């Protein structure tokens, strides 16, 4: 899937599409703008998937994992993946970023997603330093809490600056990380099955409480 974004950047450059292709700018500026713009777009998209009920029905597949680890980073419904890539490709045509910068962003995004979903604990001092810029495992674990206030926070995947900037950052969960319930309020073992998870967005809300994070 990331190669679609890179291919879009190549095509945009070849045809002169996008803001960055409309004028000359230092390479480092185009790279910084690319990474910031794409990461902010992913952050906004994540917020929207929590606020719009129809999109939440898709995104809840990601939150239905009760044992958060590196595999949670790729636990997304295929329809949500397609919608996300459509948004990203559209933004790339609008922005016109260098293909190499898009490649770097995809590496950073996917690498950081696996890192901050990993079942690891960083020293508190290191966590405090890192989360000023990037999302750490403890920071993102709060986002997977069943507590609504914690669940609607810490939306970042790579950069943490957007959560700090828009006051959606929650430093620590109400309960200790070791005992904090992860998943959905109605959680049971059904989402561990692939078929059931793929069909989850289409289930009767009365049977699964899918509108409740």
N, C-alpha and C. Protein backbone atom coordinates (compact mmCIF):
# COMPACT_ATOMS: atom_id res chain seq x y z
N UNK A 1 0.80 -1.22 0.00
CA UNK A 1 0.00 0.00 0.00
C UNK A 1 0.84 1.28 0.00
N UNK A 2 1.94 1.35 0.76
CA UNK A 2 2.74 2.59 0.73
C UNK A 2 3.25 2.94 -0.65
N UNK A 3 3.44 1.94 -1.52
CA UNK A 3 3.95 2.24 -2.86
C UNK A 3 2.94 3.02 -3.69
N UNK A 4 1.65 2.96 -3.34
CA UNK A 4 0.66 3.78 -4.03
C UNK A 4 0.93 5.26 -3.77
N UNK A 5 1.26 5.58 -2.52
CA UNK A 5 1.57 6.97 -2.17
C UNK A 5 2.83 7.44 -2.88
N UNK A 6 3.84 6.58 -2.92
CA UNK A 6 5.09 6.95 -3.59
C UNK A 6 4.86 7.12 -5.09
N UNK A 7 4.07 6.21 -5.66
CA UNK A 7 3.74 6.33 -7.09
C UNK A 7 2.98 7.60 -7.40
N UNK A 8 2.08 8.00 -6.48
CA UNK A 8 1.34 9.25 -6.68
C UNK A 8 2.28 10.44 -6.67
N UNK A 9 3.29 10.41 -5.79
CA UNK A 9 4.26 11.50 -5.74
C UNK A 9 5.07 11.58 -7.02
N UNK A 10 5.46 10.42 -7.55
CA UNK A 10 6.20 10.39 -8.82
C UNK A 10 5.35 10.97 -9.94
N UNK A 11 4.08 10.56 -9.99
CA UNK A 11 3.19 11.04 -11.04
C UNK A 11 2.91 12.53 -10.90
N UNK A 12 2.73 13.00 -9.66
CA UNK A 12 2.48 14.42 -9.44
C UNK A 12 3.66 15.27 -9.90
N UNK A 13 4.87 14.78 -9.61
CA UNK A 13 6.07 15.51 -10.03
C UNK A 13 6.20 15.52 -11.55
N UNK A 14 5.93 14.38 -12.17
CA UNK A 14 6.06 14.28 -13.63
C UNK A 14 5.08 15.21 -14.36
N UNK A 15 3.93 15.44 -13.75
CA UNK A 15 2.90 16.26 -14.39
C UNK A 15 2.80 17.66 -13.80
N UNK A 16 3.68 17.96 -12.87
CA UNK A 16 3.68 19.30 -12.29
C UNK A 16 2.50 19.59 -11.38
N UNK A 17 1.90 18.53 -10.81
CA UNK A 17 0.77 18.74 -9.92
C UNK A 17 1.26 19.10 -8.52
N UNK A 18 0.49 19.89 -7.82
CA UNK A 18 0.77 20.15 -6.42
C UNK A 18 1.44 21.48 -6.14
N UNK A 19 1.23 21.94 -4.93
CA UNK A 19 1.74 23.24 -4.49
C UNK A 19 3.26 23.30 -4.56
N UNK A 20 3.92 22.25 -4.07
CA UNK A 20 5.38 22.28 -4.01
C UNK A 20 6.03 22.23 -5.38
N UNK A 21 5.28 21.77 -6.39
CA UNK A 21 5.81 21.74 -7.76
C UNK A 21 5.57 23.06 -8.49
N UNK A 22 4.88 24.00 -7.83
CA UNK A 22 4.55 25.27 -8.48
C UNK A 22 5.65 26.31 -8.34
N UNK A 23 6.59 26.06 -7.41
CA UNK A 23 7.67 27.02 -7.23
C UNK A 23 8.91 26.31 -6.70
N UNK A 24 10.04 26.98 -6.82
CA UNK A 24 11.31 26.41 -6.35
C UNK A 24 11.45 26.65 -4.85
N UNK A 25 11.85 25.63 -4.14
CA UNK A 25 12.08 25.74 -2.70
C UNK A 25 13.25 24.83 -2.33
N UNK A 26 14.02 25.20 -1.32
CA UNK A 26 15.12 24.34 -0.88
C UNK A 26 14.62 22.94 -0.56
N UNK A 27 15.43 21.94 -0.86
CA UNK A 27 15.02 20.55 -0.66
C UNK A 27 14.61 20.27 0.77
N UNK A 28 15.35 20.81 1.72
CA UNK A 28 15.04 20.50 3.12
C UNK A 28 13.67 21.05 3.53
N UNK A 29 13.28 22.17 2.94
CA UNK A 29 11.96 22.73 3.25
C UNK A 29 10.85 21.82 2.70
N UNK A 30 11.02 21.35 1.48
CA UNK A 30 9.99 20.48 0.90
C UNK A 30 9.87 19.18 1.68
N UNK A 31 10.99 18.67 2.18
CA UNK A 31 10.95 17.43 2.96
C UNK A 31 10.26 17.66 4.31
N UNK A 32 10.58 18.75 4.98
CA UNK A 32 9.96 19.06 6.26
C UNK A 32 8.46 19.29 6.09
N UNK A 33 8.10 20.06 5.07
CA UNK A 33 6.68 20.32 4.80
C UNK A 33 5.94 19.02 4.50
N UNK A 34 6.57 18.15 3.73
CA UNK A 34 5.95 16.87 3.38
C UNK A 34 5.65 16.04 4.62
N UNK A 35 6.64 15.87 5.47
CA UNK A 35 6.47 15.03 6.66
C UNK A 35 5.45 15.64 7.61
N UNK A 36 5.52 16.95 7.83
CA UNK A 36 4.57 17.59 8.73
C UNK A 36 3.15 17.54 8.18
N UNK A 37 3.00 17.81 6.89
CA UNK A 37 1.66 17.83 6.28
C UNK A 37 1.03 16.44 6.30
N UNK A 38 1.78 15.42 5.92
CA UNK A 38 1.23 14.08 5.89
C UNK A 38 0.93 13.57 7.30
N UNK A 39 1.81 13.87 8.24
CA UNK A 39 1.56 13.40 9.60
C UNK A 39 0.36 14.11 10.21
N UNK A 40 0.21 15.40 9.94
CA UNK A 40 -0.96 16.12 10.45
C UNK A 40 -2.24 15.58 9.84
N UNK A 41 -2.18 15.24 8.56
CA UNK A 41 -3.35 14.67 7.89
C UNK A 41 -3.76 13.34 8.52
N UNK A 42 -2.78 12.51 8.86
CA UNK A 42 -3.07 11.23 9.52
C UNK A 42 -3.67 11.48 10.90
N UNK A 43 -3.16 12.48 11.61
CA UNK A 43 -3.70 12.82 12.93
C UNK A 43 -5.15 13.27 12.82
N UNK A 44 -5.44 14.16 11.88
CA UNK A 44 -6.82 14.63 11.68
C UNK A 44 -7.74 13.48 11.30
N UNK A 45 -7.26 12.64 10.42
CA UNK A 45 -8.05 11.48 10.01
C UNK A 45 -8.37 10.60 11.22
N UNK A 46 -7.40 10.41 12.09
CA UNK A 46 -7.60 9.57 13.27
C UNK A 46 -8.66 10.18 14.19
N UNK A 47 -8.60 11.49 14.37
CA UNK A 47 -9.60 12.17 15.18
C UNK A 47 -10.99 11.97 14.58
N UNK A 48 -11.09 12.13 13.27
CA UNK A 48 -12.39 12.02 12.60
C UNK A 48 -12.96 10.61 12.74
N UNK A 49 -12.11 9.60 12.67
CA UNK A 49 -12.62 8.22 12.80
C UNK A 49 -13.20 7.95 14.18
N UNK A 50 -12.81 8.75 15.15
CA UNK A 50 -13.37 8.60 16.50
C UNK A 50 -14.65 9.41 16.67
N UNK A 51 -14.83 10.45 15.87
CA UNK A 51 -15.96 11.36 16.04
C UNK A 51 -17.15 11.04 15.13
N UNK A 52 -16.89 10.45 13.98
CA UNK A 52 -17.96 10.13 13.02
C UNK A 52 -18.38 8.68 13.22
N UNK A 53 -19.63 8.43 13.64
CA UNK A 53 -20.08 7.07 13.96
C UNK A 53 -19.83 6.05 12.85
N UNK A 54 -20.08 6.43 11.60
CA UNK A 54 -19.89 5.47 10.50
C UNK A 54 -18.44 5.05 10.38
N UNK A 55 -17.52 6.02 10.52
CA UNK A 55 -16.09 5.70 10.45
C UNK A 55 -15.62 4.96 11.69
N UNK A 56 -16.23 5.27 12.83
CA UNK A 56 -15.87 4.56 14.05
C UNK A 56 -16.18 3.07 13.94
N UNK A 57 -17.23 2.73 13.24
CA UNK A 57 -17.59 1.32 13.07
C UNK A 57 -16.45 0.55 12.40
N UNK A 58 -15.72 1.23 11.52
CA UNK A 58 -14.55 0.62 10.89
C UNK A 58 -13.34 0.64 11.81
N UNK A 59 -13.12 1.80 12.43
CA UNK A 59 -11.91 1.98 13.23
C UNK A 59 -11.91 1.15 14.50
N UNK A 60 -13.09 0.79 14.99
CA UNK A 60 -13.15 0.03 16.24
C UNK A 60 -12.49 -1.34 16.11
N UNK A 61 -12.32 -1.83 14.88
CA UNK A 61 -11.61 -3.10 14.68
C UNK A 61 -10.20 -2.99 15.24
N UNK A 62 -9.59 -1.82 15.07
CA UNK A 62 -8.25 -1.58 15.60
C UNK A 62 -8.26 -1.57 17.14
N UNK A 63 -9.31 -1.02 17.72
CA UNK A 63 -9.39 -0.90 19.18
C UNK A 63 -9.90 -2.16 19.86
N UNK A 64 -10.34 -3.14 19.11
CA UNK A 64 -10.92 -4.34 19.70
C UNK A 64 -9.86 -5.34 20.17
N UNK A 65 -8.60 -4.99 20.03
CA UNK A 65 -7.52 -5.87 20.49
C UNK A 65 -7.30 -5.64 21.98
N UNK A 66 -7.45 -6.68 22.78
CA UNK A 66 -7.30 -6.55 24.24
C UNK A 66 -5.88 -6.83 24.70
N UNK A 67 -5.03 -7.30 23.81
CA UNK A 67 -3.64 -7.58 24.15
C UNK A 67 -2.76 -6.75 23.22
N UNK A 68 -2.53 -5.52 23.60
CA UNK A 68 -1.84 -4.58 22.74
C UNK A 68 -0.36 -4.95 22.58
N UNK A 69 0.03 -5.17 21.34
CA UNK A 69 1.43 -5.45 21.02
C UNK A 69 1.68 -4.99 19.59
N UNK A 70 2.83 -5.32 19.05
CA UNK A 70 3.22 -4.80 17.75
C UNK A 70 2.23 -5.20 16.66
N UNK A 71 1.53 -6.34 16.81
CA UNK A 71 0.56 -6.75 15.79
C UNK A 71 -0.65 -5.83 15.75
N UNK A 72 -0.92 -5.13 16.85
CA UNK A 72 -2.04 -4.18 16.88
C UNK A 72 -1.83 -3.07 15.87
N UNK A 73 -0.58 -2.77 15.55
CA UNK A 73 -0.25 -1.68 14.63
C UNK A 73 -0.78 -1.94 13.22
N UNK A 74 -1.01 -3.21 12.86
CA UNK A 74 -1.50 -3.52 11.52
C UNK A 74 -2.91 -4.08 11.56
N UNK A 75 -3.55 -3.98 12.72
CA UNK A 75 -4.91 -4.50 12.87
C UNK A 75 -5.91 -3.40 12.48
N UNK A 76 -6.14 -3.24 11.20
CA UNK A 76 -7.10 -2.27 10.68
C UNK A 76 -8.01 -2.95 9.68
N UNK A 77 -9.25 -2.50 9.62
CA UNK A 77 -10.17 -3.07 8.64
C UNK A 77 -9.73 -2.66 7.24
N UNK A 78 -9.80 -3.57 6.25
CA UNK A 78 -9.35 -3.25 4.89
C UNK A 78 -10.03 -2.03 4.29
N UNK A 79 -11.30 -1.80 4.62
CA UNK A 79 -11.99 -0.63 4.09
C UNK A 79 -11.37 0.65 4.65
N UNK A 80 -11.03 0.63 5.94
CA UNK A 80 -10.39 1.81 6.53
C UNK A 80 -9.03 2.05 5.90
N UNK A 81 -8.29 0.98 5.64
CA UNK A 81 -6.99 1.13 4.99
C UNK A 81 -7.15 1.77 3.61
N UNK A 82 -8.16 1.33 2.86
CA UNK A 82 -8.41 1.90 1.55
C UNK A 82 -8.78 3.37 1.61
N UNK A 83 -9.65 3.72 2.56
CA UNK A 83 -10.05 5.12 2.71
C UNK A 83 -8.87 5.99 3.11
N UNK A 84 -8.03 5.47 4.01
CA UNK A 84 -6.86 6.21 4.46
C UNK A 84 -5.90 6.46 3.31
N UNK A 85 -5.68 5.44 2.48
CA UNK A 85 -4.77 5.61 1.36
C UNK A 85 -5.35 6.56 0.32
N UNK A 86 -6.66 6.54 0.12
CA UNK A 86 -7.29 7.48 -0.80
C UNK A 86 -7.07 8.91 -0.36
N UNK A 87 -7.23 9.16 0.94
CA UNK A 87 -6.98 10.49 1.49
C UNK A 87 -5.53 10.89 1.29
N UNK A 88 -4.61 9.97 1.56
CA UNK A 88 -3.19 10.28 1.44
C UNK A 88 -2.80 10.57 0.01
N UNK A 89 -3.29 9.78 -0.93
CA UNK A 89 -2.97 10.00 -2.35
C UNK A 89 -3.53 11.35 -2.81
N UNK A 90 -4.74 11.68 -2.38
CA UNK A 90 -5.32 12.96 -2.75
C UNK A 90 -4.49 14.13 -2.22
N UNK A 91 -4.02 14.00 -0.98
CA UNK A 91 -3.18 15.04 -0.39
C UNK A 91 -1.86 15.16 -1.12
N UNK A 92 -1.31 14.04 -1.55
CA UNK A 92 -0.04 14.06 -2.27
C UNK A 92 -0.18 14.80 -3.60
N UNK A 93 -1.28 14.56 -4.31
CA UNK A 93 -1.50 15.29 -5.56
C UNK A 93 -1.71 16.77 -5.30
N UNK A 94 -2.31 17.12 -4.19
CA UNK A 94 -2.51 18.52 -3.84
C UNK A 94 -1.20 19.19 -3.43
N UNK A 95 -0.38 18.44 -2.70
CA UNK A 95 0.87 19.00 -2.16
C UNK A 95 2.02 18.93 -3.15
N UNK A 96 2.11 17.81 -3.91
CA UNK A 96 3.21 17.64 -4.85
C UNK A 96 4.56 17.44 -4.19
N UNK A 97 4.67 16.53 -3.21
CA UNK A 97 5.93 16.35 -2.48
C UNK A 97 6.93 15.47 -3.25
N UNK A 98 8.21 15.55 -2.89
CA UNK A 98 9.20 14.64 -3.50
C UNK A 98 8.89 13.19 -3.14
N UNK A 99 9.05 12.29 -4.08
CA UNK A 99 8.75 10.88 -3.84
C UNK A 99 9.63 10.32 -2.72
N UNK A 100 10.89 10.75 -2.67
CA UNK A 100 11.79 10.26 -1.63
C UNK A 100 11.32 10.69 -0.24
N UNK A 101 10.75 11.89 -0.14
CA UNK A 101 10.24 12.37 1.14
C UNK A 101 9.01 11.56 1.56
N UNK A 102 8.18 11.18 0.60
CA UNK A 102 7.01 10.34 0.90
C UNK A 102 7.47 8.96 1.37
N UNK A 103 8.51 8.43 0.71
CA UNK A 103 9.06 7.15 1.13
C UNK A 103 9.57 7.23 2.57
N UNK A 104 10.28 8.30 2.90
CA UNK A 104 10.78 8.47 4.26
C UNK A 104 9.62 8.55 5.25
N UNK A 105 8.58 9.29 4.88
CA UNK A 105 7.43 9.40 5.78
C UNK A 105 6.78 8.04 6.01
N UNK A 106 6.62 7.24 4.98
CA UNK A 106 6.01 5.92 5.12
C UNK A 106 6.85 5.03 6.05
N UNK A 107 8.17 5.13 5.93
CA UNK A 107 9.05 4.36 6.82
C UNK A 107 8.87 4.82 8.26
N UNK A 108 8.85 6.15 8.46
CA UNK A 108 8.69 6.71 9.80
C UNK A 108 7.33 6.35 10.38
N UNK A 109 6.27 6.47 9.58
CA UNK A 109 4.92 6.21 10.06
C UNK A 109 4.73 4.76 10.46
N UNK A 110 5.13 3.85 9.58
CA UNK A 110 4.94 2.43 9.87
C UNK A 110 5.87 1.95 10.98
N UNK A 111 7.10 2.45 10.98
CA UNK A 111 8.04 2.08 12.04
C UNK A 111 7.59 2.58 13.40
N UNK A 112 7.12 3.83 13.45
CA UNK A 112 6.67 4.39 14.72
C UNK A 112 5.39 3.73 15.20
N UNK A 113 4.51 3.35 14.27
CA UNK A 113 3.27 2.66 14.66
C UNK A 113 3.59 1.33 15.34
N UNK A 114 4.55 0.59 14.80
CA UNK A 114 4.94 -0.67 15.43
C UNK A 114 5.62 -0.42 16.77
N UNK A 115 6.39 0.67 16.84
CA UNK A 115 7.08 1.01 18.09
C UNK A 115 6.09 1.39 19.18
N UNK A 116 5.16 2.29 18.87
CA UNK A 116 4.29 2.76 19.95
C UNK A 116 3.14 1.82 20.28
N UNK A 117 2.95 0.76 19.48
CA UNK A 117 1.99 -0.28 19.85
C UNK A 117 2.68 -1.46 20.56
N UNK A 118 3.99 -1.43 20.60
CA UNK A 118 4.73 -2.56 21.17
C UNK A 118 4.49 -2.69 22.67
N UNK A 119 4.54 -3.91 23.13
CA UNK A 119 4.32 -4.20 24.55
C UNK A 119 5.65 -4.06 25.30
N UNK A 120 6.12 -2.81 25.38
CA UNK A 120 7.38 -2.54 26.06
C UNK A 120 7.19 -1.35 27.00
N UNK A 121 8.07 -1.22 27.95
CA UNK A 121 8.04 -0.11 28.88
C UNK A 121 9.38 0.60 28.85
N UNK A 122 9.35 1.88 28.50
CA UNK A 122 10.56 2.69 28.51
C UNK A 122 10.77 3.27 29.91
N UNK A 123 12.00 3.56 30.29
CA UNK A 123 12.23 4.29 31.54
C UNK A 123 11.43 5.59 31.52
N UNK A 124 10.86 5.97 32.66
CA UNK A 124 9.98 7.14 32.70
C UNK A 124 10.68 8.41 32.20
N UNK A 125 11.96 8.58 32.55
CA UNK A 125 12.65 9.79 32.12
C UNK A 125 12.80 9.83 30.61
N UNK A 126 13.05 8.65 29.99
CA UNK A 126 13.19 8.59 28.55
C UNK A 126 11.84 8.81 27.87
N UNK A 127 10.80 8.24 28.45
CA UNK A 127 9.45 8.42 27.90
C UNK A 127 9.07 9.90 27.90
N UNK A 128 9.34 10.60 28.99
CA UNK A 128 9.00 12.02 29.08
C UNK A 128 9.74 12.85 28.03
N UNK A 129 10.99 12.49 27.77
CA UNK A 129 11.78 13.23 26.79
C UNK A 129 11.28 12.96 25.38
N UNK A 130 11.09 11.68 25.05
CA UNK A 130 10.71 11.30 23.69
C UNK A 130 9.33 11.80 23.33
N UNK A 131 8.38 11.73 24.26
CA UNK A 131 7.00 12.09 23.91
C UNK A 131 6.80 13.58 23.68
N UNK A 132 7.81 14.36 23.91
CA UNK A 132 7.73 15.77 23.53
C UNK A 132 7.70 15.93 22.02
N UNK A 133 8.22 14.91 21.31
CA UNK A 133 8.31 14.99 19.85
C UNK A 133 7.59 13.82 19.18
N UNK A 134 7.85 12.59 19.66
CA UNK A 134 7.25 11.41 19.03
C UNK A 134 6.35 10.68 20.01
N UNK A 135 5.52 9.82 19.47
CA UNK A 135 4.59 9.04 20.29
C UNK A 135 5.31 7.83 20.87
N UNK A 136 5.20 7.64 22.17
CA UNK A 136 5.82 6.51 22.85
C UNK A 136 4.78 5.43 23.14
N UNK A 137 5.23 4.21 23.48
CA UNK A 137 4.27 3.15 23.81
C UNK A 137 3.33 3.52 24.95
N UNK A 138 3.84 4.12 26.02
CA UNK A 138 2.98 4.51 27.14
C UNK A 138 1.97 5.57 26.71
N UNK A 139 2.40 6.50 25.90
CA UNK A 139 1.50 7.55 25.45
C UNK A 139 0.37 6.96 24.62
N UNK A 140 0.69 6.07 23.70
CA UNK A 140 -0.36 5.53 22.83
C UNK A 140 -1.22 4.49 23.53
N UNK A 141 -0.64 3.81 24.52
CA UNK A 141 -1.44 2.82 25.25
C UNK A 141 -2.64 3.48 25.92
N UNK A 142 -2.45 4.71 26.37
CA UNK A 142 -3.57 5.46 26.98
C UNK A 142 -4.73 5.56 25.99
N UNK A 143 -4.41 5.74 24.72
CA UNK A 143 -5.42 5.88 23.67
C UNK A 143 -6.27 4.61 23.53
N UNK A 144 -5.73 3.47 23.91
CA UNK A 144 -6.45 2.21 23.78
C UNK A 144 -7.22 1.83 25.05
N UNK A 145 -7.25 2.72 26.02
CA UNK A 145 -8.01 2.48 27.25
C UNK A 145 -9.51 2.45 26.96
N UNK A 146 -10.26 1.71 27.78
CA UNK A 146 -11.71 1.71 27.63
C UNK A 146 -12.34 2.96 28.23
N UNK A 147 -11.57 3.73 29.01
CA UNK A 147 -12.06 4.97 29.59
C UNK A 147 -12.22 6.01 28.47
N UNK A 148 -13.42 6.59 28.36
CA UNK A 148 -13.73 7.48 27.23
C UNK A 148 -12.79 8.68 27.17
N UNK A 149 -12.48 9.31 28.30
CA UNK A 149 -11.60 10.47 28.29
C UNK A 149 -10.21 10.10 27.78
N UNK A 150 -9.73 8.94 28.18
CA UNK A 150 -8.41 8.50 27.74
C UNK A 150 -8.45 8.00 26.30
N UNK A 151 -9.53 7.34 25.96
CA UNK A 151 -9.72 6.81 24.62
C UNK A 151 -9.74 7.93 23.57
N UNK A 152 -10.33 9.07 23.91
CA UNK A 152 -10.38 10.21 23.01
C UNK A 152 -9.22 11.16 23.27
N UNK A 153 -8.03 10.64 23.22
CA UNK A 153 -6.82 11.43 23.44
C UNK A 153 -5.65 10.74 22.73
N UNK A 154 -4.51 11.42 22.68
CA UNK A 154 -3.27 10.81 22.16
C UNK A 154 -3.49 10.14 20.79
N UNK A 155 -3.95 10.94 19.83
CA UNK A 155 -4.29 10.40 18.52
C UNK A 155 -3.08 10.18 17.61
N UNK A 156 -1.94 10.71 17.96
CA UNK A 156 -0.78 10.65 17.08
C UNK A 156 -0.26 9.23 16.86
N UNK A 157 0.36 9.03 15.69
CA UNK A 157 1.03 7.76 15.40
C UNK A 157 2.54 7.96 15.35
N UNK A 158 2.98 9.07 14.78
CA UNK A 158 4.41 9.36 14.69
C UNK A 158 4.77 10.56 15.56
N UNK A 159 4.40 11.76 15.15
CA UNK A 159 4.71 12.96 15.92
C UNK A 159 3.65 13.18 17.02
N UNK A 160 4.13 13.59 18.18
CA UNK A 160 3.22 13.86 19.30
C UNK A 160 2.82 15.33 19.38
N UNK A 161 3.42 16.16 18.52
CA UNK A 161 3.23 17.60 18.64
C UNK A 161 1.78 18.03 18.43
N UNK A 162 1.03 17.30 17.62
CA UNK A 162 -0.36 17.69 17.35
C UNK A 162 -1.22 17.53 18.59
N UNK A 163 -1.00 16.47 19.34
CA UNK A 163 -1.77 16.27 20.58
C UNK A 163 -1.43 17.34 21.61
N UNK A 164 -0.17 17.73 21.67
CA UNK A 164 0.22 18.81 22.58
C UNK A 164 -0.40 20.14 22.10
N UNK A 165 -0.37 20.36 20.81
CA UNK A 165 -0.83 21.62 20.24
C UNK A 165 -2.34 21.80 20.39
N UNK A 166 -3.09 20.71 20.23
CA UNK A 166 -4.55 20.80 20.25
C UNK A 166 -5.16 20.28 21.56
N UNK A 167 -4.31 20.15 22.58
CA UNK A 167 -4.75 19.79 23.94
C UNK A 167 -5.49 18.46 23.99
N UNK A 168 -5.04 17.50 23.20
CA UNK A 168 -5.61 16.15 23.26
C UNK A 168 -4.63 15.16 23.88
N UNK A 169 -3.61 15.70 24.53
CA UNK A 169 -2.61 14.84 25.16
C UNK A 169 -3.00 14.52 26.60
N UNK A 170 -3.00 13.23 26.93
CA UNK A 170 -3.21 12.77 28.30
C UNK A 170 -1.94 12.04 28.71
N UNK A 171 -1.29 12.53 29.76
CA UNK A 171 0.03 12.01 30.11
C UNK A 171 -0.01 10.56 30.58
N UNK A 172 -0.89 10.25 31.52
CA UNK A 172 -0.94 8.91 32.09
C UNK A 172 -2.40 8.49 32.29
N UNK A 173 -2.67 7.20 32.26
CA UNK A 173 -4.04 6.73 32.47
C UNK A 173 -4.44 6.83 33.94
N UNK A 174 -5.74 6.77 34.19
CA UNK A 174 -6.25 6.82 35.56
C UNK A 174 -5.78 5.61 36.35
N UNK A 175 -5.75 4.45 35.72
CA UNK A 175 -5.26 3.23 36.35
C UNK A 175 -3.83 2.94 35.88
N UNK A 176 -3.06 2.16 36.62
CA UNK A 176 -1.70 1.82 36.19
C UNK A 176 -1.70 1.12 34.83
N UNK A 177 -0.66 1.32 34.06
CA UNK A 177 -0.57 0.70 32.74
C UNK A 177 -0.74 -0.82 32.82
N UNK A 178 -0.22 -1.42 33.89
CA UNK A 178 -0.26 -2.88 34.00
C UNK A 178 -1.67 -3.42 34.18
N UNK A 179 -2.57 -2.63 34.76
CA UNK A 179 -3.93 -3.10 35.05
C UNK A 179 -5.00 -2.35 34.26
N UNK A 180 -4.61 -1.37 33.47
CA UNK A 180 -5.59 -0.59 32.71
C UNK A 180 -6.28 -1.47 31.67
N UNK A 181 -7.62 -1.54 31.69
CA UNK A 181 -8.34 -2.34 30.68
C UNK A 181 -8.16 -1.74 29.29
N UNK A 182 -7.84 -2.58 28.33
CA UNK A 182 -7.62 -2.15 26.95
C UNK A 182 -8.68 -2.80 26.06
N UNK A 183 -9.17 -2.03 25.12
CA UNK A 183 -10.16 -2.56 24.19
C UNK A 183 -11.40 -1.69 24.14
N UNK A 184 -12.56 -2.33 24.11
CA UNK A 184 -13.84 -1.65 24.04
C UNK A 184 -14.68 -2.01 25.26
N UNK A 185 -15.63 -1.17 25.61
CA UNK A 185 -16.41 -1.38 26.84
C UNK A 185 -17.17 -2.70 26.83
N UNK A 186 -17.58 -3.12 25.66
CA UNK A 186 -18.35 -4.35 25.56
C UNK A 186 -17.45 -5.56 25.30
N UNK A 187 -16.17 -5.38 25.46
CA UNK A 187 -15.16 -6.33 24.99
C UNK A 187 -15.39 -7.76 25.44
N UNK A 188 -15.20 -8.67 24.50
CA UNK A 188 -15.16 -10.11 24.78
C UNK A 188 -14.14 -10.71 23.82
N UNK A 189 -14.14 -12.01 23.66
CA UNK A 189 -13.12 -12.66 22.84
C UNK A 189 -13.49 -12.76 21.36
N UNK A 190 -14.68 -12.33 20.97
CA UNK A 190 -15.09 -12.46 19.58
C UNK A 190 -14.15 -11.76 18.60
N UNK A 191 -13.65 -10.55 18.91
CA UNK A 191 -12.77 -9.87 17.95
C UNK A 191 -11.45 -10.58 17.67
N UNK A 192 -11.15 -11.64 18.41
CA UNK A 192 -9.91 -12.37 18.14
C UNK A 192 -10.03 -13.21 16.88
N UNK A 193 -11.26 -13.38 16.39
CA UNK A 193 -11.46 -14.12 15.16
C UNK A 193 -11.42 -13.22 13.94
N UNK A 194 -10.73 -13.63 12.90
CA UNK A 194 -10.57 -12.80 11.70
C UNK A 194 -11.91 -12.52 11.03
N UNK A 195 -12.69 -13.55 10.81
CA UNK A 195 -13.97 -13.37 10.11
C UNK A 195 -14.88 -12.42 10.88
N UNK A 196 -14.97 -12.62 12.20
CA UNK A 196 -15.85 -11.78 13.00
C UNK A 196 -15.38 -10.33 12.97
N UNK A 197 -14.06 -10.11 13.01
CA UNK A 197 -13.53 -8.76 12.98
C UNK A 197 -13.82 -8.07 11.65
N UNK A 198 -13.70 -8.81 10.56
CA UNK A 198 -13.98 -8.23 9.25
C UNK A 198 -15.45 -7.84 9.10
N UNK A 199 -16.31 -8.58 9.79
CA UNK A 199 -17.75 -8.31 9.71
C UNK A 199 -18.22 -7.35 10.79
N UNK A 200 -17.37 -7.02 11.74
CA UNK A 200 -17.75 -6.18 12.87
C UNK A 200 -18.41 -4.86 12.46
N UNK A 201 -17.89 -4.13 11.46
CA UNK A 201 -18.53 -2.85 11.11
C UNK A 201 -19.96 -2.99 10.61
N UNK A 202 -20.33 -4.20 10.21
CA UNK A 202 -21.65 -4.42 9.63
C UNK A 202 -22.61 -5.11 10.60
N UNK A 203 -22.15 -5.31 11.84
CA UNK A 203 -22.97 -5.96 12.85
C UNK A 203 -24.06 -5.00 13.34
N UNK A 204 -25.12 -5.58 13.88
CA UNK A 204 -26.18 -4.80 14.49
C UNK A 204 -25.63 -4.10 15.73
N UNK A 205 -25.68 -2.76 15.81
CA UNK A 205 -25.12 -2.05 16.97
C UNK A 205 -25.69 -2.52 18.30
N UNK A 206 -26.93 -2.98 18.31
CA UNK A 206 -27.54 -3.43 19.55
C UNK A 206 -26.88 -4.69 20.10
N UNK A 207 -26.22 -5.44 19.22
CA UNK A 207 -25.57 -6.68 19.64
C UNK A 207 -24.14 -6.46 20.11
N UNK A 208 -23.52 -5.37 19.66
CA UNK A 208 -22.11 -5.17 19.97
C UNK A 208 -21.80 -3.83 20.65
N UNK A 209 -22.80 -2.98 20.77
CA UNK A 209 -22.57 -1.63 21.32
C UNK A 209 -21.46 -0.92 20.55
N UNK A 210 -21.50 -1.01 19.23
CA UNK A 210 -20.39 -0.48 18.43
C UNK A 210 -20.31 1.03 18.50
N UNK A 211 -21.32 1.71 18.96
CA UNK A 211 -21.25 3.17 19.06
C UNK A 211 -20.57 3.64 20.32
N UNK A 212 -20.23 2.70 21.20
CA UNK A 212 -19.61 3.07 22.47
C UNK A 212 -18.14 2.70 22.46
N UNK A 213 -17.23 3.69 22.47
CA UNK A 213 -15.80 3.37 22.52
C UNK A 213 -15.45 2.64 23.79
